[in-house]
Amino acid sequence: MVLCFALFSFFNAISGDLTGVYPSELFPAELRASGIGVAAAFSRLGAASGTFLLPLGIASVGVGPSMLVGAAICAIGLAATYAWAPETTGISLTRTSQVTGQSAPPQPPGQVPASV
């Protein structure tokens, strides 16, 4: 039982980072508060829809298939995050909003990039 609660606490802390810390690293300063608000709103919509749909799924298809659907949704979220979410480790907060996952276009020799 203690192991189950420890795992729940670990994964719950991760989801808190996704709605609070990570969006604040991605949005530019003038949009940061709105971006965090939108991320939190979508998080709450997901929680509310899951709370509403889980009992319906259990009643119609059973516990096992309902849990597999939930696991599949989590796996899709993991794959999307891994594929499209930019890594912000080691990048200053002022530069993270400029990260797109693509390399910057080459600059002519002797010219300073506009983003520096």
N, C-alpha and C. Protein backbone atom coordinates (compact mmCIF):
# COMPACT_ATOMS: atom_id res chain seq x y z
N MET A 1 0.83 -1.18 0.00
CA MET A 1 0.00 0.00 0.00
C MET A 1 0.88 1.26 0.00
N VAL A 2 1.95 1.22 0.80
CA VAL A 2 2.86 2.38 0.86
C VAL A 2 3.52 2.60 -0.50
N LEU A 3 3.90 1.52 -1.17
CA LEU A 3 4.51 1.63 -2.49
C LEU A 3 3.54 2.27 -3.50
N CYS A 4 2.29 1.89 -3.43
CA CYS A 4 1.28 2.48 -4.34
C CYS A 4 1.15 3.98 -4.10
N PHE A 5 1.10 4.40 -2.84
CA PHE A 5 0.99 5.83 -2.55
C PHE A 5 2.27 6.57 -2.93
N ALA A 6 3.42 5.93 -2.78
CA ALA A 6 4.68 6.56 -3.19
C ALA A 6 4.72 6.76 -4.70
N LEU A 7 4.29 5.76 -5.46
CA LEU A 7 4.23 5.91 -6.91
C LEU A 7 3.22 6.98 -7.32
N PHE A 8 2.07 7.01 -6.66
CA PHE A 8 1.09 8.06 -6.95
C PHE A 8 1.68 9.44 -6.70
N SER A 9 2.37 9.61 -5.59
CA SER A 9 2.97 10.90 -5.27
C SER A 9 4.01 11.30 -6.31
N PHE A 10 4.81 10.34 -6.75
CA PHE A 10 5.83 10.61 -7.76
C PHE A 10 5.19 11.09 -9.06
N PHE A 11 4.20 10.37 -9.57
CA PHE A 11 3.58 10.74 -10.84
C PHE A 11 2.72 11.99 -10.71
N ASN A 12 2.14 12.22 -9.55
CA ASN A 12 1.37 13.44 -9.34
C ASN A 12 2.30 14.66 -9.35
N ALA A 13 3.49 14.53 -8.81
CA ALA A 13 4.45 15.63 -8.84
C ALA A 13 4.88 15.93 -10.27
N ILE A 14 5.03 14.92 -11.09
CA ILE A 14 5.39 15.13 -12.49
C ILE A 14 4.30 15.91 -13.21
N SER A 15 3.05 15.55 -12.99
CA SER A 15 1.97 16.27 -13.67
C SER A 15 1.88 17.71 -13.19
N GLY A 16 2.24 17.98 -11.95
CA GLY A 16 2.27 19.36 -11.46
C GLY A 16 3.33 20.17 -12.18
N ASP A 17 4.46 19.55 -12.49
CA ASP A 17 5.50 20.24 -13.24
C ASP A 17 5.03 20.59 -14.65
N LEU A 18 4.27 19.70 -15.24
CA LEU A 18 3.82 19.95 -16.61
C LEU A 18 2.85 21.12 -16.70
N THR A 19 2.08 21.38 -15.66
CA THR A 19 1.12 22.48 -15.74
C THR A 19 1.63 23.76 -15.11
N GLY A 20 2.68 23.71 -14.30
CA GLY A 20 3.16 24.92 -13.64
C GLY A 20 4.52 25.38 -14.08
N VAL A 21 5.48 24.49 -14.09
CA VAL A 21 6.87 24.88 -14.35
C VAL A 21 7.18 24.93 -15.84
N TYR A 22 6.84 23.89 -16.55
CA TYR A 22 7.23 23.82 -17.97
C TYR A 22 6.61 24.93 -18.82
N PRO A 23 5.30 25.22 -18.70
CA PRO A 23 4.76 26.33 -19.51
C PRO A 23 5.42 27.67 -19.21
N SER A 24 5.82 27.90 -17.98
CA SER A 24 6.47 29.17 -17.67
C SER A 24 7.83 29.28 -18.34
N GLU A 25 8.44 28.17 -18.70
CA GLU A 25 9.70 28.19 -19.42
C GLU A 25 9.52 28.38 -20.91
N LEU A 26 8.34 28.08 -21.44
CA LEU A 26 8.14 28.12 -22.88
C LEU A 26 7.62 29.44 -23.39
N PHE A 27 6.79 30.11 -22.62
CA PHE A 27 6.15 31.33 -23.11
C PHE A 27 7.02 32.54 -22.86
N PRO A 28 7.00 33.52 -23.78
CA PRO A 28 7.73 34.76 -23.53
C PRO A 28 7.12 35.49 -22.34
N ALA A 29 7.88 36.40 -21.75
CA ALA A 29 7.47 37.05 -20.50
C ALA A 29 6.11 37.72 -20.60
N GLU A 30 5.80 38.34 -21.74
CA GLU A 30 4.53 39.05 -21.85
C GLU A 30 3.32 38.12 -21.96
N LEU A 31 3.56 36.84 -22.26
CA LEU A 31 2.46 35.87 -22.36
C LEU A 31 2.52 34.78 -21.30
N ARG A 32 3.49 34.85 -20.42
CA ARG A 32 3.76 33.75 -19.48
C ARG A 32 2.56 33.44 -18.59
N ALA A 33 1.95 34.44 -17.98
CA ALA A 33 0.82 34.19 -17.08
C ALA A 33 -0.37 33.61 -17.83
N SER A 34 -0.64 34.10 -19.02
CA SER A 34 -1.74 33.56 -19.82
C SER A 34 -1.46 32.12 -20.24
N GLY A 35 -0.22 31.84 -20.60
CA GLY A 35 0.14 30.48 -20.99
C GLY A 35 -0.03 29.48 -19.86
N ILE A 36 0.38 29.88 -18.66
CA ILE A 36 0.21 29.01 -17.50
C ILE A 36 -1.27 28.82 -17.21
N GLY A 37 -2.05 29.87 -17.36
CA GLY A 37 -3.50 29.77 -17.14
C GLY A 37 -4.17 28.83 -18.12
N VAL A 38 -3.79 28.91 -19.38
CA VAL A 38 -4.36 28.01 -20.39
C VAL A 38 -3.95 26.57 -20.11
N ALA A 39 -2.69 26.34 -19.74
CA ALA A 39 -2.24 24.99 -19.41
C ALA A 39 -3.00 24.43 -18.22
N ALA A 40 -3.21 25.25 -17.19
CA ALA A 40 -3.95 24.80 -16.01
C ALA A 40 -5.42 24.53 -16.37
N ALA A 41 -6.00 25.37 -17.24
CA ALA A 41 -7.39 25.16 -17.64
C ALA A 41 -7.56 23.84 -18.39
N PHE A 42 -6.65 23.54 -19.32
CA PHE A 42 -6.73 22.28 -20.04
C PHE A 42 -6.49 21.10 -19.10
N SER A 43 -5.63 21.28 -18.11
CA SER A 43 -5.42 20.23 -17.13
C SER A 43 -6.70 19.94 -16.35
N ARG A 44 -7.40 20.99 -15.97
CA ARG A 44 -8.65 20.81 -15.23
C ARG A 44 -9.73 20.21 -16.11
N LEU A 45 -9.77 20.58 -17.38
CA LEU A 45 -10.74 19.98 -18.30
C LEU A 45 -10.48 18.48 -18.44
N GLY A 46 -9.21 18.10 -18.55
CA GLY A 46 -8.87 16.69 -18.63
C GLY A 46 -9.24 15.93 -17.37
N ALA A 47 -9.00 16.55 -16.21
CA ALA A 47 -9.35 15.90 -14.95
C ALA A 47 -10.86 15.73 -14.80
N ALA A 48 -11.60 16.77 -15.18
CA ALA A 48 -13.06 16.69 -15.08
C ALA A 48 -13.64 15.67 -16.05
N SER A 49 -13.12 15.65 -17.28
CA SER A 49 -13.65 14.68 -18.24
C SER A 49 -13.29 13.25 -17.83
N GLY A 50 -12.10 13.05 -17.28
CA GLY A 50 -11.74 11.72 -16.80
C GLY A 50 -12.60 11.27 -15.64
N THR A 51 -12.89 12.19 -14.73
CA THR A 51 -13.75 11.88 -13.59
C THR A 51 -15.15 11.52 -14.05
N PHE A 52 -15.64 12.18 -15.09
CA PHE A 52 -16.98 11.91 -15.60
C PHE A 52 -17.01 10.63 -16.44
N LEU A 53 -15.99 10.43 -17.28
CA LEU A 53 -16.02 9.32 -18.24
C LEU A 53 -15.60 7.97 -17.65
N LEU A 54 -14.77 7.95 -16.61
CA LEU A 54 -14.32 6.67 -16.06
C LEU A 54 -15.48 5.81 -15.55
N PRO A 55 -16.40 6.34 -14.75
CA PRO A 55 -17.52 5.48 -14.33
C PRO A 55 -18.38 4.99 -15.49
N LEU A 56 -18.53 5.82 -16.52
CA LEU A 56 -19.28 5.38 -17.69
C LEU A 56 -18.55 4.25 -18.42
N GLY A 57 -17.23 4.38 -18.53
CA GLY A 57 -16.45 3.33 -19.17
C GLY A 57 -16.47 2.03 -18.38
N ILE A 58 -16.36 2.13 -17.06
CA ILE A 58 -16.41 0.92 -16.23
C ILE A 58 -17.77 0.24 -16.34
N ALA A 59 -18.83 1.03 -16.36
CA ALA A 59 -20.18 0.45 -16.46
C ALA A 59 -20.42 -0.20 -17.81
N SER A 60 -19.83 0.35 -18.88
CA SER A 60 -20.13 -0.19 -20.20
C SER A 60 -19.17 -1.29 -20.66
N VAL A 61 -17.86 -1.16 -20.38
CA VAL A 61 -16.91 -2.16 -20.89
C VAL A 61 -16.14 -2.87 -19.80
N GLY A 62 -16.21 -2.39 -18.56
CA GLY A 62 -15.51 -3.05 -17.46
C GLY A 62 -14.26 -2.29 -17.03
N VAL A 63 -13.69 -2.75 -15.92
CA VAL A 63 -12.54 -2.08 -15.32
C VAL A 63 -11.29 -2.24 -16.18
N GLY A 64 -10.98 -3.45 -16.60
CA GLY A 64 -9.76 -3.71 -17.37
C GLY A 64 -9.66 -2.88 -18.64
N PRO A 65 -10.66 -2.97 -19.53
CA PRO A 65 -10.59 -2.17 -20.75
C PRO A 65 -10.57 -0.66 -20.48
N SER A 66 -11.26 -0.22 -19.45
CA SER A 66 -11.25 1.21 -19.11
C SER A 66 -9.85 1.66 -18.70
N MET A 67 -9.16 0.83 -17.93
CA MET A 67 -7.80 1.16 -17.52
C MET A 67 -6.85 1.12 -18.71
N LEU A 68 -7.08 0.20 -19.65
CA LEU A 68 -6.24 0.15 -20.85
C LEU A 68 -6.44 1.40 -21.72
N VAL A 69 -7.66 1.89 -21.81
CA VAL A 69 -7.91 3.13 -22.55
C VAL A 69 -7.18 4.29 -21.87
N GLY A 70 -7.24 4.35 -20.54
CA GLY A 70 -6.52 5.40 -19.82
C GLY A 70 -5.01 5.30 -20.02
N ALA A 71 -4.49 4.08 -20.01
CA ALA A 71 -3.06 3.88 -20.24
C ALA A 71 -2.68 4.28 -21.66
N ALA A 72 -3.55 3.98 -22.63
CA ALA A 72 -3.27 4.37 -24.02
C ALA A 72 -3.26 5.88 -24.17
N ILE A 73 -4.16 6.58 -23.50
CA ILE A 73 -4.18 8.04 -23.54
C ILE A 73 -2.89 8.60 -22.94
N CYS A 74 -2.44 8.02 -21.85
CA CYS A 74 -1.17 8.45 -21.23
C CYS A 74 0.01 8.17 -22.16
N ALA A 75 0.01 7.04 -22.84
CA ALA A 75 1.09 6.70 -23.76
C ALA A 75 1.12 7.66 -24.94
N ILE A 76 -0.05 8.04 -25.44
CA ILE A 76 -0.11 9.02 -26.54
C ILE A 76 0.44 10.36 -26.06
N GLY A 77 0.08 10.76 -24.86
CA GLY A 77 0.62 12.00 -24.30
C GLY A 77 2.12 11.95 -24.12
N LEU A 78 2.65 10.81 -23.68
CA LEU A 78 4.10 10.65 -23.53
C LEU A 78 4.79 10.75 -24.89
N ALA A 79 4.24 10.08 -25.90
CA ALA A 79 4.85 10.12 -27.23
C ALA A 79 4.83 11.53 -27.81
N ALA A 80 3.72 12.25 -27.64
CA ALA A 80 3.62 13.62 -28.15
C ALA A 80 4.60 14.53 -27.42
N THR A 81 4.71 14.37 -26.12
CA THR A 81 5.65 15.19 -25.35
C THR A 81 7.08 14.91 -25.77
N TYR A 82 7.42 13.66 -25.93
CA TYR A 82 8.78 13.29 -26.32
C TYR A 82 9.11 13.81 -27.72
N ALA A 83 8.12 13.76 -28.61
CA ALA A 83 8.36 14.15 -30.00
C ALA A 83 8.40 15.66 -30.19
N TRP A 84 7.53 16.41 -29.50
CA TRP A 84 7.36 17.81 -29.86
C TRP A 84 7.70 18.82 -28.76
N ALA A 85 7.85 18.41 -27.53
CA ALA A 85 8.15 19.37 -26.46
C ALA A 85 9.65 19.67 -26.44
N PRO A 86 10.03 20.94 -26.56
CA PRO A 86 11.46 21.26 -26.58
C PRO A 86 12.10 21.06 -25.21
N GLU A 87 13.36 20.68 -25.22
CA GLU A 87 14.14 20.51 -23.99
C GLU A 87 14.63 21.87 -23.54
N THR A 88 14.45 22.20 -22.27
CA THR A 88 14.83 23.51 -21.75
C THR A 88 15.96 23.45 -20.73
N THR A 89 16.55 22.29 -20.53
CA THR A 89 17.64 22.16 -19.57
C THR A 89 18.84 22.96 -20.03
N GLY A 90 19.38 23.78 -19.13
CA GLY A 90 20.58 24.55 -19.43
C GLY A 90 20.36 25.80 -20.25
N ILE A 91 19.11 26.15 -20.52
CA ILE A 91 18.80 27.34 -21.30
C ILE A 91 18.20 28.38 -20.37
N SER A 92 18.63 29.63 -20.48
CA SER A 92 18.10 30.67 -19.59
C SER A 92 16.63 30.91 -19.87
N LEU A 93 15.93 31.43 -18.88
CA LEU A 93 14.49 31.66 -18.99
C LEU A 93 14.16 32.64 -20.11
N THR A 94 15.02 33.59 -20.36
CA THR A 94 14.75 34.55 -21.44
C THR A 94 14.94 33.93 -22.82
N ARG A 95 15.71 32.85 -22.91
CA ARG A 95 15.95 32.22 -24.21
C ARG A 95 15.02 31.03 -24.48
N THR A 96 14.35 30.49 -23.47
CA THR A 96 13.54 29.29 -23.68
C THR A 96 12.35 29.55 -24.57
N SER A 97 11.80 30.75 -24.57
CA SER A 97 10.64 31.02 -25.42
C SER A 97 11.02 31.06 -26.89
N GLN A 98 12.31 31.08 -27.20
CA GLN A 98 12.77 31.10 -28.59
C GLN A 98 13.12 29.71 -29.09
N VAL A 99 13.06 28.70 -28.22
CA VAL A 99 13.41 27.34 -28.60
C VAL A 99 12.27 26.75 -29.43
N THR A 100 12.60 26.26 -30.61
CA THR A 100 11.58 25.66 -31.47
C THR A 100 11.87 24.21 -31.79
N GLY A 101 13.04 23.73 -31.38
CA GLY A 101 13.40 22.36 -31.71
C GLY A 101 14.11 22.26 -33.04
N GLN A 102 14.20 23.36 -33.78
CA GLN A 102 14.89 23.38 -35.05
C GLN A 102 16.12 24.25 -34.91
N SER A 103 17.10 23.98 -35.72
CA SER A 103 18.30 24.81 -35.66
C SER A 103 18.03 26.15 -36.33
N ALA A 104 18.72 27.18 -35.88
CA ALA A 104 18.55 28.51 -36.44
C ALA A 104 19.13 28.55 -37.84
N PRO A 105 18.59 29.42 -38.70
CA PRO A 105 19.16 29.52 -40.04
C PRO A 105 20.58 30.05 -39.97
N PRO A 106 21.43 29.65 -40.88
CA PRO A 106 22.82 30.11 -40.85
C PRO A 106 22.90 31.62 -41.05
N GLN A 107 23.83 32.24 -40.33
CA GLN A 107 24.04 33.68 -40.41
C GLN A 107 25.23 33.96 -41.33
N PRO A 108 25.19 35.07 -42.06
CA PRO A 108 26.37 35.44 -42.85
C PRO A 108 27.56 35.69 -41.93
N PRO A 109 28.76 35.46 -42.40
CA PRO A 109 29.94 35.67 -41.56
C PRO A 109 30.02 37.11 -41.06
N GLY A 110 30.35 37.25 -39.77
CA GLY A 110 30.53 38.58 -39.17
C GLY A 110 29.24 39.24 -38.73
N GLN A 111 28.10 38.61 -38.94
CA GLN A 111 26.82 39.22 -38.54
C GLN A 111 26.33 38.56 -37.25
N VAL A 112 25.90 39.37 -36.30
CA VAL A 112 25.40 38.89 -35.02
C VAL A 112 23.92 38.55 -35.18
N PRO A 113 23.48 37.36 -34.72
CA PRO A 113 22.05 37.02 -34.81
C PRO A 113 21.20 38.02 -34.05
N ALA A 114 19.99 38.28 -34.55
CA ALA A 114 19.10 39.27 -33.93
C ALA A 114 18.62 38.83 -32.56
N SER A 115 18.61 37.53 -32.26
CA SER A 115 18.06 37.04 -30.99
C SER A 115 19.06 37.10 -29.85
N VAL A 116 20.29 37.50 -30.08
CA VAL A 116 21.29 37.53 -29.01
C VAL A 116 21.20 38.81 -28.23
